């Protein structure tokens, strides 16, 4: 089943069932969230800072 067929099936649902589909879709993580979750599984690969000031400096924020 392709995306167009799935959309057609959703359109045929009663309104209360469409609402359930919308609610389900709203709670699915997007790619940015999935990437961050994967990144968090490998903390040894993340950049580390000695202080908050060092982190802000790296971000280009003066404090």
Protein backbone atom coordinates (compact mmCIF):
# COMPACT_ATOMS: atom_id res chain seq x y z
CA UNK A 1 0.00 0.00 0.00
CA UNK A 2 1.43 3.38 -0.94
CA UNK A 3 0.94 6.74 0.80
CA UNK A 4 -1.90 7.83 -1.52
CA UNK A 5 -3.83 4.63 -0.77
CA UNK A 6 -3.30 5.07 2.95
CA UNK A 7 -4.59 8.66 2.76
CA UNK A 8 -7.67 7.48 0.86
CA UNK A 9 -8.34 4.87 3.55
CA UNK A 10 -8.00 7.48 6.28
CA UNK A 11 -10.41 9.79 4.43
CA UNK A 12 -13.02 7.01 4.48
CA UNK A 13 -12.89 6.69 8.27
CA UNK A 14 -15.59 8.09 10.54
CA UNK A 15 -14.64 11.47 12.06
CA UNK A 16 -13.84 10.06 15.51
CA UNK A 17 -11.47 7.51 13.94
CA UNK A 18 -9.80 10.23 11.83
CA UNK A 19 -9.19 12.08 15.09
CA UNK A 20 -7.38 9.05 16.47
CA UNK A 21 -5.16 8.94 13.37
CA UNK A 22 -4.36 12.66 13.72
CA UNK A 23 -3.56 12.21 17.42
CA UNK A 24 -1.29 9.27 16.62
CA UNK A 25 0.55 11.22 13.90
CA UNK A 26 1.08 14.24 16.18
CA UNK A 27 2.94 12.07 18.66
CA UNK A 28 5.32 10.46 16.18
CA UNK A 29 8.86 11.83 16.54
CA UNK A 30 10.30 13.66 13.54
CA UNK A 31 13.73 12.88 12.05
CA UNK A 32 15.46 15.56 14.14
CA UNK A 33 14.13 13.94 17.33
CA UNK A 34 15.09 10.45 16.16
CA UNK A 35 18.62 11.70 15.36
CA UNK A 36 18.94 13.29 18.81
CA UNK A 37 17.75 10.07 20.46
CA UNK A 38 20.34 8.08 18.52
CA UNK A 39 23.04 10.61 19.39
CA UNK A 40 22.17 10.30 23.08
CA UNK A 41 22.85 6.56 22.93
CA UNK A 42 26.52 7.36 22.32
CA UNK A 43 27.47 10.05 24.85
CA UNK A 44 31.15 9.35 24.29
CA UNK A 45 30.80 10.82 20.79
CA UNK A 46 29.20 14.06 22.00
CA UNK A 47 31.23 17.22 22.36
CA UNK A 48 32.03 17.99 26.00
CA UNK A 49 32.74 21.32 27.65
CA UNK A 50 34.57 22.21 30.86
CA UNK A 51 32.04 24.91 31.73
CA UNK A 52 28.86 26.58 30.58
CA UNK A 53 30.97 29.57 29.52
CA UNK A 54 33.00 27.32 27.19
CA UNK A 55 29.80 25.96 25.67
CA UNK A 56 28.35 29.44 25.14
CA UNK A 57 31.63 30.57 23.59
CA UNK A 58 31.46 27.66 21.14
CA UNK A 59 27.89 28.69 20.30
CA UNK A 60 28.99 32.27 19.72
CA UNK A 61 27.11 33.65 22.70
CA UNK A 62 28.86 36.19 24.90
CA UNK A 63 28.18 35.96 28.61
